[in-house]
N, C-alpha and C. Protein backbone atom coordinates (compact mmCIF):
# COMPACT_ATOMS: atom_id res chain seq x y z
N MET A 1 77.06 -123.27 92.06
CA MET A 1 78.51 -123.41 92.44
C MET A 1 78.96 -123.73 91.30
N THR A 2 80.92 -123.02 91.00
CA THR A 2 81.64 -123.30 90.23
C THR A 2 82.60 -124.24 91.46
N ALA A 3 83.08 -125.40 90.27
CA ALA A 3 83.86 -125.98 90.94
C ALA A 3 85.46 -125.26 91.27
N ILE A 4 86.34 -126.37 91.80
CA ILE A 4 87.55 -125.92 92.12
C ILE A 4 88.16 -126.52 90.76
N LEU A 5 88.58 -126.18 89.88
CA LEU A 5 90.02 -126.74 88.64
C LEU A 5 91.50 -127.01 89.34
N TYR A 6 91.27 -128.38 90.00
CA TYR A 6 92.85 -128.68 89.96
C TYR A 6 93.77 -128.46 89.07
N PRO A 7 95.35 -127.96 89.96
CA PRO A 7 96.26 -127.99 88.36
C PRO A 7 96.58 -129.31 87.77
N VAL A 8 97.09 -129.87 86.56
CA VAL A 8 97.31 -131.67 86.60
C VAL A 8 99.21 -131.60 85.98
N ALA A 9 99.59 -131.67 87.32
CA ALA A 9 101.31 -131.58 87.03
C ALA A 9 101.73 -133.07 87.90
N ALA A 10 103.42 -132.46 87.23
CA ALA A 10 103.80 -133.67 88.04
C ALA A 10 104.23 -134.64 89.76
N ASN A 11 104.40 -132.67 89.78
CA ASN A 11 104.82 -132.43 91.07
C ASN A 11 103.97 -131.22 91.43
N GLY A 12 104.46 -131.19 93.04
CA GLY A 12 103.61 -129.72 93.53
C GLY A 12 103.87 -128.29 93.09
N GLU A 13 104.93 -128.45 92.91
CA GLU A 13 106.08 -127.32 92.35
C GLU A 13 105.83 -126.54 90.19
N ALA A 14 105.59 -128.33 90.13
CA ALA A 14 105.33 -127.47 89.44
C ALA A 14 103.73 -127.55 88.71
N ALA A 15 102.89 -127.50 89.60
CA ALA A 15 101.48 -127.50 89.97
C ALA A 15 100.97 -126.40 89.94
N LEU A 16 102.36 -125.24 90.88
CA LEU A 16 102.36 -123.76 90.52
C LEU A 16 102.71 -123.52 89.37
N ALA A 17 103.74 -123.79 88.94
CA ALA A 17 104.20 -122.76 88.11
C ALA A 17 103.94 -122.93 86.64
N ALA A 18 103.91 -124.61 86.17
CA ALA A 18 103.40 -124.52 85.11
C ALA A 18 102.70 -126.06 84.86
N PRO A 19 101.74 -125.47 85.38
CA PRO A 19 101.01 -127.07 85.52
C PRO A 19 100.15 -127.10 84.06
N ARG A 20 100.14 -128.90 83.95
CA ARG A 20 99.70 -128.83 82.16
C ARG A 20 97.79 -128.25 81.51
N GLY A 21 97.89 -128.53 82.80
CA GLY A 21 96.31 -128.16 82.52
C GLY A 21 95.44 -127.97 83.90
N ARG A 22 94.20 -127.60 84.06
CA ARG A 22 93.39 -127.29 85.11
C ARG A 22 92.62 -128.21 85.06
N ALA A 23 91.99 -129.12 85.69
CA ALA A 23 90.57 -129.82 85.30
C ALA A 23 89.52 -129.74 86.67
N ALA A 24 88.68 -130.16 87.45
CA ALA A 24 87.97 -130.51 88.36
C ALA A 24 87.30 -132.15 88.41
N ARG A 25 87.90 -132.74 87.55
CA ARG A 25 87.34 -134.44 87.51
C ARG A 25 88.34 -134.84 87.00
N GLU A 26 88.36 -136.58 87.45
CA GLU A 26 89.72 -137.00 87.16
C GLU A 26 89.49 -137.42 85.90
N SER A 27 88.63 -137.40 85.33
CA SER A 27 88.02 -137.62 83.60
C SER A 27 88.79 -136.78 82.69
N GLN A 28 88.27 -135.87 83.02
CA GLN A 28 89.19 -134.54 82.90
C GLN A 28 91.04 -134.36 83.29
N ALA A 29 91.43 -134.67 83.92
CA ALA A 29 92.49 -135.04 84.51
C ALA A 29 93.13 -136.26 83.02
N ARG A 30 92.60 -136.98 83.09
CA ARG A 30 93.56 -137.99 82.62
C ARG A 30 92.93 -137.93 81.11
N SER A 31 92.31 -136.96 80.26
CA SER A 31 92.62 -136.58 79.40
C SER A 31 93.58 -135.38 78.89
N LEU A 32 93.66 -135.04 80.26
CA LEU A 32 94.82 -133.58 79.40
C LEU A 32 96.40 -134.07 79.92
N ALA A 33 96.19 -135.59 80.85
CA ALA A 33 97.66 -135.89 80.78
C ALA A 33 98.53 -136.83 80.52
N GLY A 34 97.77 -137.35 79.58
CA GLY A 34 97.77 -138.69 78.57
C GLY A 34 97.39 -139.49 78.98
N ARG A 35 97.80 -140.21 80.46
CA ARG A 35 97.39 -141.26 81.35
C ARG A 35 97.00 -141.41 82.46
N ASP A 36 97.40 -142.42 83.95
CA ASP A 36 96.99 -142.07 85.08
C ASP A 36 97.48 -140.88 85.84
N VAL A 37 95.93 -140.45 86.14
CA VAL A 37 96.50 -139.14 87.53
C VAL A 37 96.34 -139.90 88.61
N ALA A 38 96.82 -139.11 89.70
CA ALA A 38 95.97 -139.58 91.36
C ALA A 38 96.04 -138.51 92.10
N PHE A 39 95.04 -137.81 92.87
CA PHE A 39 95.12 -136.33 93.20
C PHE A 39 95.60 -136.54 95.32
N VAL A 40 96.43 -135.92 94.79
CA VAL A 40 97.34 -135.58 96.17
C VAL A 40 97.18 -133.94 96.92
N SER A 41 97.53 -133.31 98.07
CA SER A 41 97.58 -132.85 98.80
C SER A 41 99.46 -133.14 99.13
N GLU A 42 100.01 -131.99 98.34
CA GLU A 42 101.11 -131.86 98.92
C GLU A 42 101.86 -130.46 99.33
N ALA A 43 102.34 -130.95 99.95
CA ALA A 43 103.26 -129.46 101.41
C ALA A 43 104.75 -129.08 99.55
N VAL A 44 104.63 -127.02 99.84
CA VAL A 44 105.84 -126.92 99.14
C VAL A 44 106.39 -125.86 99.53
N GLY A 45 107.80 -125.47 99.03
CA GLY A 45 107.80 -123.98 99.17
C GLY A 45 108.52 -123.85 100.45
N PRO A 46 108.66 -123.35 100.30
CA PRO A 46 109.68 -122.72 102.71
C PRO A 46 108.54 -122.73 103.01
N ALA A 47 109.37 -123.11 104.45
CA ALA A 47 108.65 -123.42 105.76
C ALA A 47 108.48 -121.54 106.26
N PHE A 48 107.52 -121.49 106.98
CA PHE A 48 107.69 -119.58 108.11
C PHE A 48 107.00 -119.92 109.34
N ALA A 49 107.92 -118.87 109.89
CA ALA A 49 107.29 -119.39 111.37
C ALA A 49 106.00 -119.38 112.45
N THR A 50 106.04 -117.81 111.22
CA THR A 50 103.95 -117.25 111.30
C THR A 50 103.58 -117.80 110.58
N ARG A 51 102.04 -117.72 111.20
CA ARG A 51 100.92 -117.71 110.10
C ARG A 51 101.01 -115.98 108.87
N GLU A 52 101.53 -114.85 110.15
CA GLU A 52 100.96 -113.71 108.61
C GLU A 52 102.61 -113.80 107.88
N ALA A 53 103.54 -114.55 107.92
CA ALA A 53 104.74 -114.70 107.08
C ALA A 53 104.49 -115.44 105.92
N ALA A 54 103.60 -116.49 106.06
CA ALA A 54 103.12 -117.33 105.41
C ALA A 54 101.81 -116.59 104.82
N LEU A 55 101.89 -115.98 104.86
CA LEU A 55 100.08 -115.08 104.20
C LEU A 55 100.46 -114.46 103.73
N GLY A 56 102.01 -113.58 104.26
CA GLY A 56 102.46 -111.81 103.14
C GLY A 56 103.19 -112.81 102.27
N ALA A 57 103.81 -114.22 101.61
CA ALA A 57 104.69 -114.97 101.33
C ALA A 57 103.60 -115.34 98.53
N TYR A 58 102.59 -115.80 99.58
CA TYR A 58 101.17 -116.90 98.84
C TYR A 58 99.95 -115.62 99.22
N ALA A 59 99.98 -114.41 99.52
CA ALA A 59 99.00 -113.34 99.01
C ALA A 59 97.56 -113.76 98.14
N PRO A 60 98.13 -113.68 96.82
CA PRO A 60 97.12 -113.70 95.89
C PRO A 60 97.05 -114.81 95.81
N ARG A 61 97.30 -116.83 96.56
CA ARG A 61 97.56 -117.11 96.26
C ARG A 61 95.76 -118.45 96.97
N LEU A 62 96.08 -117.37 98.37
CA LEU A 62 95.72 -118.27 99.03
C LEU A 62 94.06 -116.72 99.48
N GLU A 63 92.47 -117.59 99.67
CA GLU A 63 91.70 -116.71 100.35
C GLU A 63 91.47 -116.22 100.71
N ASP A 64 92.62 -116.11 102.63
CA ASP A 64 92.54 -115.86 103.48
C ASP A 64 93.27 -114.24 103.03
N ALA A 65 94.46 -113.98 102.30
CA ALA A 65 94.38 -112.80 101.92
C ALA A 65 93.78 -112.08 101.25
N THR A 66 93.18 -113.05 99.69
CA THR A 66 92.74 -111.98 98.64
C THR A 66 91.54 -113.14 98.99
N PRO A 67 90.48 -112.14 99.53
CA PRO A 67 88.87 -112.45 99.25
C PRO A 67 88.08 -112.47 98.79
N GLY A 68 88.51 -111.65 97.38
CA GLY A 68 87.54 -111.84 96.24
C GLY A 68 88.26 -113.33 94.79
N LEU A 69 89.11 -114.00 95.57
CA LEU A 69 89.32 -115.10 94.90
C LEU A 69 88.62 -115.67 94.53
N ALA A 70 88.75 -116.32 92.59
CA ALA A 70 87.84 -117.07 92.13
C ALA A 70 87.38 -118.11 93.12
N ALA A 71 86.65 -119.00 92.71
CA ALA A 71 86.54 -120.97 93.33
C ALA A 71 87.00 -121.34 92.77
N GLU A 72 87.46 -121.20 91.15
CA GLU A 72 87.61 -122.05 90.89
C GLU A 72 89.41 -122.08 91.22
N ASP A 73 89.70 -121.24 91.27
CA ASP A 73 91.53 -120.83 92.51
C ASP A 73 92.21 -121.14 93.67
N ARG A 74 91.35 -122.30 93.82
CA ARG A 74 91.43 -122.53 95.61
C ARG A 74 91.67 -123.45 96.21
N PHE A 75 93.19 -124.10 94.86
CA PHE A 75 93.43 -124.50 95.99
C PHE A 75 94.47 -124.97 96.12
N CYS A 76 95.32 -123.82 97.38
CA CYS A 76 95.81 -123.71 97.94
C CYS A 76 95.58 -123.43 99.01
N ARG A 77 96.71 -123.66 100.23
CA ARG A 77 96.36 -123.67 101.70
C ARG A 77 97.06 -123.09 102.45
N LEU A 78 97.11 -123.02 103.68
CA LEU A 78 97.76 -122.28 104.71
C LEU A 78 97.50 -124.29 105.95
N ALA A 79 99.29 -124.85 105.67
CA ALA A 79 99.07 -125.69 106.62
C ALA A 79 99.99 -126.08 108.15
N GLU A 80 100.00 -126.15 109.12
CA GLU A 80 100.96 -125.79 110.14
C GLU A 80 101.29 -126.99 110.73
N THR A 81 102.58 -127.60 110.80
CA THR A 81 103.21 -128.45 110.94
C THR A 81 103.95 -128.76 111.18
N VAL A 82 104.60 -129.95 111.90
CA VAL A 82 105.74 -129.95 112.70
C VAL A 82 107.55 -129.49 112.17
N ALA A 83 108.59 -128.58 112.96
CA ALA A 83 109.52 -128.59 111.81
C ALA A 83 110.20 -130.32 111.85
N PRO A 84 110.76 -130.46 110.64
CA PRO A 84 111.25 -131.98 110.77
C PRO A 84 112.23 -132.24 111.64
N ALA A 85 113.20 -130.58 111.75
CA ALA A 85 113.81 -131.11 113.41
C ALA A 85 114.05 -131.29 114.52
N GLN A 86 112.49 -131.38 114.10
CA GLN A 86 112.32 -131.66 115.43
C GLN A 86 111.23 -133.68 115.79
N ARG A 87 111.14 -133.18 115.07
CA ARG A 87 110.30 -134.81 114.76
C ARG A 87 111.00 -136.09 115.53
N ALA A 88 112.87 -136.38 114.86
CA ALA A 88 113.48 -136.89 115.54
C ALA A 88 113.87 -137.36 117.15
N GLU A 89 113.75 -135.81 117.66
CA GLU A 89 113.96 -135.09 120.00
C GLU A 89 112.28 -136.05 119.76
N LEU A 90 111.16 -136.59 118.96
CA LEU A 90 110.10 -136.59 119.74
C LEU A 90 110.11 -138.28 120.24
N ALA A 91 110.63 -139.50 121.49
CA ALA A 91 110.88 -140.00 121.50
C ALA A 91 110.16 -140.48 122.78
N PRO A 92 109.96 -142.17 123.18
CA PRO A 92 108.60 -142.26 123.58
C PRO A 92 108.99 -142.15 124.84
N VAL A 93 107.89 -141.62 126.12
CA VAL A 93 108.90 -141.64 127.07
C VAL A 93 108.75 -143.31 127.72
N SER A 94 109.31 -143.47 129.19
CA SER A 94 108.72 -144.24 130.00
C SER A 94 108.86 -143.84 131.25
N PRO A 95 108.25 -144.33 131.79
CA PRO A 95 107.49 -144.21 133.27
C PRO A 95 108.18 -143.59 134.29
N ALA A 96 107.86 -142.78 135.58
CA ALA A 96 109.81 -142.30 136.09
C ALA A 96 109.17 -142.57 137.74
N ASN A 97 107.83 -142.48 138.10
CA ASN A 97 107.54 -143.17 139.57
C ASN A 97 108.42 -142.30 140.43
N SER A 98 108.93 -140.99 140.68
CA SER A 98 108.96 -140.20 141.33
C SER A 98 108.34 -139.33 141.65
N ASP A 99 108.76 -138.88 142.98
CA ASP A 99 107.69 -137.50 143.46
C ASP A 99 106.60 -137.73 143.81
N GLY A 100 106.02 -139.27 143.60
CA GLY A 100 104.26 -139.59 144.10
C GLY A 100 104.36 -138.89 142.31
N ARG A 101 104.56 -138.85 141.22
CA ARG A 101 103.80 -138.98 140.16
C ARG A 101 104.67 -140.15 139.12
N ARG A 102 103.21 -140.82 138.38
CA ARG A 102 104.19 -141.51 137.99
C ARG A 102 104.92 -141.37 136.24
N TRP A 103 104.33 -140.41 135.47
CA TRP A 103 104.75 -140.23 134.63
C TRP A 103 105.92 -138.12 134.76
N PRO A 104 107.00 -138.38 134.20
CA PRO A 104 107.58 -137.28 133.85
C PRO A 104 106.49 -136.09 133.69
N ALA A 105 107.69 -134.72 133.93
CA ALA A 105 107.11 -133.86 133.25
C ALA A 105 106.92 -133.93 132.08
N ALA A 106 106.05 -133.30 131.12
CA ALA A 106 105.80 -132.59 129.89
C ALA A 106 106.50 -132.05 129.40
N ARG A 107 107.06 -132.44 127.98
CA ARG A 107 107.68 -131.77 126.73
C ARG A 107 107.40 -130.73 126.70
N PRO A 108 107.52 -129.24 126.69
CA PRO A 108 106.92 -128.85 126.17
C PRO A 108 106.61 -128.55 124.56
N ALA A 109 106.26 -127.93 123.98
CA ALA A 109 104.90 -128.25 122.17
C ALA A 109 106.59 -128.46 120.79
N PRO A 110 106.40 -128.71 120.72
CA PRO A 110 107.08 -128.74 119.77
C PRO A 110 107.01 -128.03 118.51
N ARG A 111 108.30 -127.59 117.96
CA ARG A 111 107.86 -126.02 117.37
C ARG A 111 107.41 -126.18 115.84
N THR A 112 106.51 -125.58 115.55
CA THR A 112 105.31 -125.78 114.32
C THR A 112 106.08 -124.32 113.23
N VAL A 113 105.76 -124.92 112.08
CA VAL A 113 105.67 -124.31 110.79
C VAL A 113 104.84 -124.07 109.85
N TRP A 114 104.60 -123.09 108.79
CA TRP A 114 103.53 -122.78 108.51
C TRP A 114 104.27 -123.22 106.93
N ARG A 115 103.35 -124.06 106.32
CA ARG A 115 103.62 -124.28 104.99
C ARG A 115 102.80 -124.48 103.79
N LEU A 116 102.64 -124.18 102.97
CA LEU A 116 101.68 -123.90 101.63
C LEU A 116 101.01 -125.82 101.30
N GLN A 117 100.18 -125.67 100.86
CA GLN A 117 99.34 -127.18 101.13
C GLN A 117 98.80 -126.87 99.52
N VAL A 118 99.20 -127.72 98.52
CA VAL A 118 98.43 -127.54 97.38
C VAL A 118 97.72 -129.21 96.91
N SER A 119 96.38 -129.16 96.25
CA SER A 119 95.91 -129.81 95.67
C SER A 119 96.39 -129.96 94.42
N TYR A 120 96.19 -130.59 94.09
CA TYR A 120 96.51 -131.17 92.09
C TYR A 120 96.22 -132.78 91.85
N TRP A 121 95.70 -132.92 90.69
CA TRP A 121 96.15 -133.83 90.40
C TRP A 121 97.94 -134.38 89.91
N ARG A 122 98.17 -135.84 90.59
CA ARG A 122 99.48 -135.86 90.13
C ARG A 122 99.90 -136.95 88.93
N ILE A 123 100.51 -136.61 87.65
CA ILE A 123 100.55 -137.48 86.83
C ILE A 123 101.44 -139.11 86.95
N ALA A 124 100.37 -139.74 86.12
CA ALA A 124 101.53 -141.08 87.16
C ALA A 124 102.54 -141.27 86.31
N GLY A 125 103.51 -142.24 87.42
CA GLY A 125 104.38 -142.69 86.07
C GLY A 125 106.01 -140.66 85.77
N ASP A 126 105.07 -139.96 86.52
CA ASP A 126 106.08 -138.57 86.59
C ASP A 126 106.95 -138.51 87.60
N ARG A 127 107.08 -139.44 89.11
CA ARG A 127 107.26 -138.32 89.95
C ARG A 127 108.65 -138.99 89.83
N VAL A 128 108.89 -139.94 90.21
CA VAL A 128 110.36 -140.53 90.06
C VAL A 128 109.95 -142.55 89.52
N ALA A 129 111.45 -142.13 89.74
CA ALA A 129 111.64 -143.95 88.72
C ALA A 129 110.92 -144.23 89.53
N GLU A 130 110.84 -146.17 89.58
CA GLU A 130 109.78 -146.80 90.25
C GLU A 130 111.09 -146.85 91.41
N ALA A 131 111.16 -147.61 92.64
CA ALA A 131 112.47 -147.81 93.63
C ALA A 131 111.80 -148.50 93.74
N PRO A 132 112.65 -149.60 94.64
CA PRO A 132 111.93 -150.91 95.14
C PRO A 132 110.88 -150.26 96.36
N GLN A 133 110.74 -151.99 97.14
CA GLN A 133 109.96 -151.09 98.16
C GLN A 133 110.94 -150.72 99.50
N ALA A 134 110.68 -149.93 100.17
CA ALA A 134 111.34 -149.86 101.44
C ALA A 134 111.92 -150.76 102.30
N ARG A 135 111.03 -151.81 102.76
CA ARG A 135 110.96 -153.03 103.77
C ARG A 135 111.95 -153.74 102.87
N ARG A 136 112.47 -153.85 101.41
CA ARG A 136 113.36 -154.92 101.32
C ARG A 136 114.70 -154.58 100.85
N ALA A 137 114.56 -152.36 100.55
CA ALA A 137 115.60 -152.03 100.82
C ALA A 137 116.46 -151.94 101.52
N ARG A 138 116.02 -151.62 103.03
CA ARG A 138 116.08 -152.46 104.48
C ARG A 138 117.46 -153.35 104.01
N ARG A 139 116.21 -154.55 103.98
CA ARG A 139 116.03 -155.77 104.65
C ARG A 139 117.86 -156.57 103.22
N SER A 140 117.83 -155.82 102.59
CA SER A 140 119.14 -155.96 101.86
C SER A 140 119.85 -155.11 101.71
N GLY A 141 119.71 -153.99 101.93
CA GLY A 141 121.73 -152.51 103.17
C GLY A 141 121.53 -152.44 101.89
N GLU A 142 120.93 -152.01 100.53
CA GLU A 142 120.85 -151.11 99.36
C GLU A 142 120.54 -149.41 100.25
N ALA A 143 119.49 -149.72 101.39
CA ALA A 143 118.64 -148.00 101.47
C ALA A 143 119.74 -146.85 101.48
N SER A 144 120.98 -147.74 102.69
CA SER A 144 121.77 -146.21 102.93
C SER A 144 122.18 -145.76 102.26
N ALA A 145 122.26 -146.24 100.90
CA ALA A 145 122.95 -145.61 99.60
C ALA A 145 122.42 -145.10 99.15
N LEU A 146 120.77 -144.87 99.52
CA LEU A 146 120.03 -144.03 98.20
C LEU A 146 119.86 -142.90 98.27
N PRO A 147 120.22 -142.12 97.43
CA PRO A 147 119.80 -140.37 98.10
C PRO A 147 117.94 -140.73 98.92
N PRO A 148 118.23 -139.09 99.21
CA PRO A 148 116.83 -138.51 100.36
C PRO A 148 115.23 -138.60 98.95
N GLU A 149 116.01 -138.14 98.11
CA GLU A 149 114.80 -138.18 97.59
C GLU A 149 113.40 -139.30 96.89
N THR A 150 114.34 -140.69 97.06
CA THR A 150 114.74 -141.52 96.38
C THR A 150 113.68 -142.66 97.79
N LEU A 151 114.71 -141.82 98.85
CA LEU A 151 113.67 -142.56 100.16
C LEU A 151 112.48 -142.05 100.68
N ARG A 152 112.77 -140.83 99.93
CA ARG A 152 111.04 -139.94 100.66
C ARG A 152 109.93 -140.70 99.32
N ALA A 153 110.63 -141.16 98.28
CA ALA A 153 109.41 -142.16 98.03
C ALA A 153 109.37 -143.15 97.93
N MET A 154 110.27 -144.29 97.67
CA MET A 154 110.00 -144.97 98.99
C MET A 154 109.31 -145.45 100.11
N ALA A 155 108.94 -144.55 100.63
CA ALA A 155 108.30 -144.17 101.69
C ALA A 155 106.42 -144.00 101.61
N ASP A 156 106.59 -143.34 100.47
CA ASP A 156 105.47 -143.07 99.89
C ASP A 156 103.95 -143.53 99.17
N GLN A 157 105.00 -144.98 98.58
CA GLN A 157 104.45 -145.66 97.68
C GLN A 157 103.55 -147.01 98.67
N PRO A 158 102.18 -147.03 98.56
CA PRO A 158 102.00 -148.11 99.21
C PRO A 158 102.68 -149.25 99.26
N LEU A 159 102.42 -149.82 100.58
CA LEU A 159 103.06 -151.64 100.79
C LEU A 159 102.86 -152.72 99.82
N ARG A 160 103.47 -153.39 99.05
CA ARG A 160 102.89 -154.21 98.39
C ARG A 160 103.56 -155.77 99.27
N PRO A 161 102.54 -156.74 98.72
CA PRO A 161 103.83 -157.96 99.64
C PRO A 161 104.63 -158.38 98.57
N PHE A 162 105.92 -158.82 99.64
CA PHE A 162 107.20 -159.50 99.02
C PHE A 162 106.44 -160.82 98.79
N LYS A 163 105.82 -160.84 99.35
CA LYS A 163 105.31 -162.76 98.38
C LYS A 163 103.91 -162.96 98.59
N PRO A 164 103.90 -164.12 97.95
CA PRO A 164 102.00 -163.94 98.14
C PRO A 164 101.27 -164.39 99.18
N GLN A 165 100.11 -163.84 99.65
CA GLN A 165 99.40 -164.58 100.77
C GLN A 165 99.22 -165.95 101.00
N GLN A 166 100.19 -166.24 101.96
CA GLN A 166 99.37 -168.11 102.06
C GLN A 166 98.07 -167.87 102.00
N ALA A 167 97.77 -170.14 102.40
CA ALA A 167 96.18 -170.10 102.70
C ALA A 167 95.55 -169.68 104.10
N LEU A 168 94.47 -169.21 104.11
CA LEU A 168 94.60 -169.50 105.46
C LEU A 168 94.41 -171.04 105.85
N ASP A 169 94.80 -170.97 107.23
CA ASP A 169 94.70 -172.74 107.88
C ASP A 169 93.27 -173.28 108.04
N ILE A 170 93.53 -174.61 107.91
CA ILE A 170 91.90 -175.04 108.59
C ILE A 170 91.56 -174.96 109.79
N GLY A 171 90.71 -174.98 110.01
CA GLY A 171 90.47 -175.49 111.42
C GLY A 171 90.31 -176.76 112.14
N LEU A 172 89.79 -176.63 113.01
CA LEU A 172 90.46 -177.44 114.40
C LEU A 172 89.53 -179.01 114.07
N PHE A 173 87.93 -178.75 113.35
CA PHE A 173 87.65 -179.89 112.82
C PHE A 173 87.13 -179.72 111.68
N GLU A 174 88.29 -179.88 110.85
CA GLU A 174 88.43 -179.84 109.35
C GLU A 174 89.01 -180.98 108.89
N VAL A 175 88.84 -181.12 107.64
CA VAL A 175 89.80 -182.36 107.07
C VAL A 175 90.39 -181.99 105.86
N ARG A 176 91.18 -182.36 104.96
CA ARG A 176 90.54 -181.97 103.23
C ARG A 176 90.39 -183.39 103.06
N LEU A 177 89.34 -184.20 101.56
CA LEU A 177 89.10 -185.29 101.12
C LEU A 177 91.00 -185.60 100.32
N PRO A 178 91.17 -186.58 100.64
CA PRO A 178 92.75 -187.07 100.00
C PRO A 178 92.52 -187.16 98.77
N GLU A 179 91.52 -186.97 97.41
CA GLU A 179 91.22 -187.34 96.64
C GLU A 179 91.28 -186.21 96.05
N ALA A 180 90.44 -184.54 96.48
CA ALA A 180 90.30 -183.86 96.51
C ALA A 180 90.67 -182.52 97.70
N PRO A 181 92.57 -182.57 97.59
CA PRO A 181 93.49 -181.48 98.35
C PRO A 181 92.50 -180.73 98.19
N HIS A 182 91.99 -179.85 97.52
CA HIS A 182 91.53 -178.59 97.25
C HIS A 182 90.17 -178.18 98.33
N ILE A 183 89.32 -179.05 97.96
CA ILE A 183 88.20 -179.39 98.96
C ILE A 183 88.14 -179.28 100.37
N VAL A 184 87.48 -178.32 101.45
CA VAL A 184 87.55 -178.72 103.26
C VAL A 184 86.57 -179.28 103.29
N VAL A 185 86.80 -180.30 104.71
CA VAL A 185 84.97 -180.45 104.24
C VAL A 185 85.10 -180.99 106.33
N PRO A 186 84.28 -181.07 106.84
CA PRO A 186 84.28 -181.37 108.73
C PRO A 186 84.23 -182.17 108.76
N ASP A 187 84.74 -182.65 109.22
CA ASP A 187 86.00 -184.03 109.90
C ASP A 187 84.94 -184.06 111.90
N GLU A 188 84.26 -185.01 111.83
CA GLU A 188 82.82 -185.95 113.15
C GLU A 188 83.54 -186.27 113.80
């Protein structure tokens, strides 16, 4: 069986247009990029209202539209997602308790769109300059002045603690030795 050769690129658009190379394994991708890589899947390109429209636009890249697509070229797929404008309207609902029913009638399903998902080896450090963590930016008030792409990059970062973790508290029947406060012993 032939392995899928995923593109090595800085972002999803570059993975489709001009990747630095293609690799099946992380070690191969790291040697092509010259630095660390991470395997990601990302939605790229415009959103389509129907699956058929998306298949028509991306036919040469998808196995669904091109049955003879080589095994190593199967790094793209179509994914159905909720339209971005609809996400803000999905707020929590309070119980209604009217007409003998506890909950109100369900809202209609949100509008969905079809987008191309590209799986590729993202080169570390090429995406966006290291942004502050979202939590720290919100607390300091600088989040309102940042452009949207920086805010998205901040939201994609893994959470990091803003201070070292506190030591765990000792139990009710444990005490620290006065001569060695780093040692906890049971109390009688």
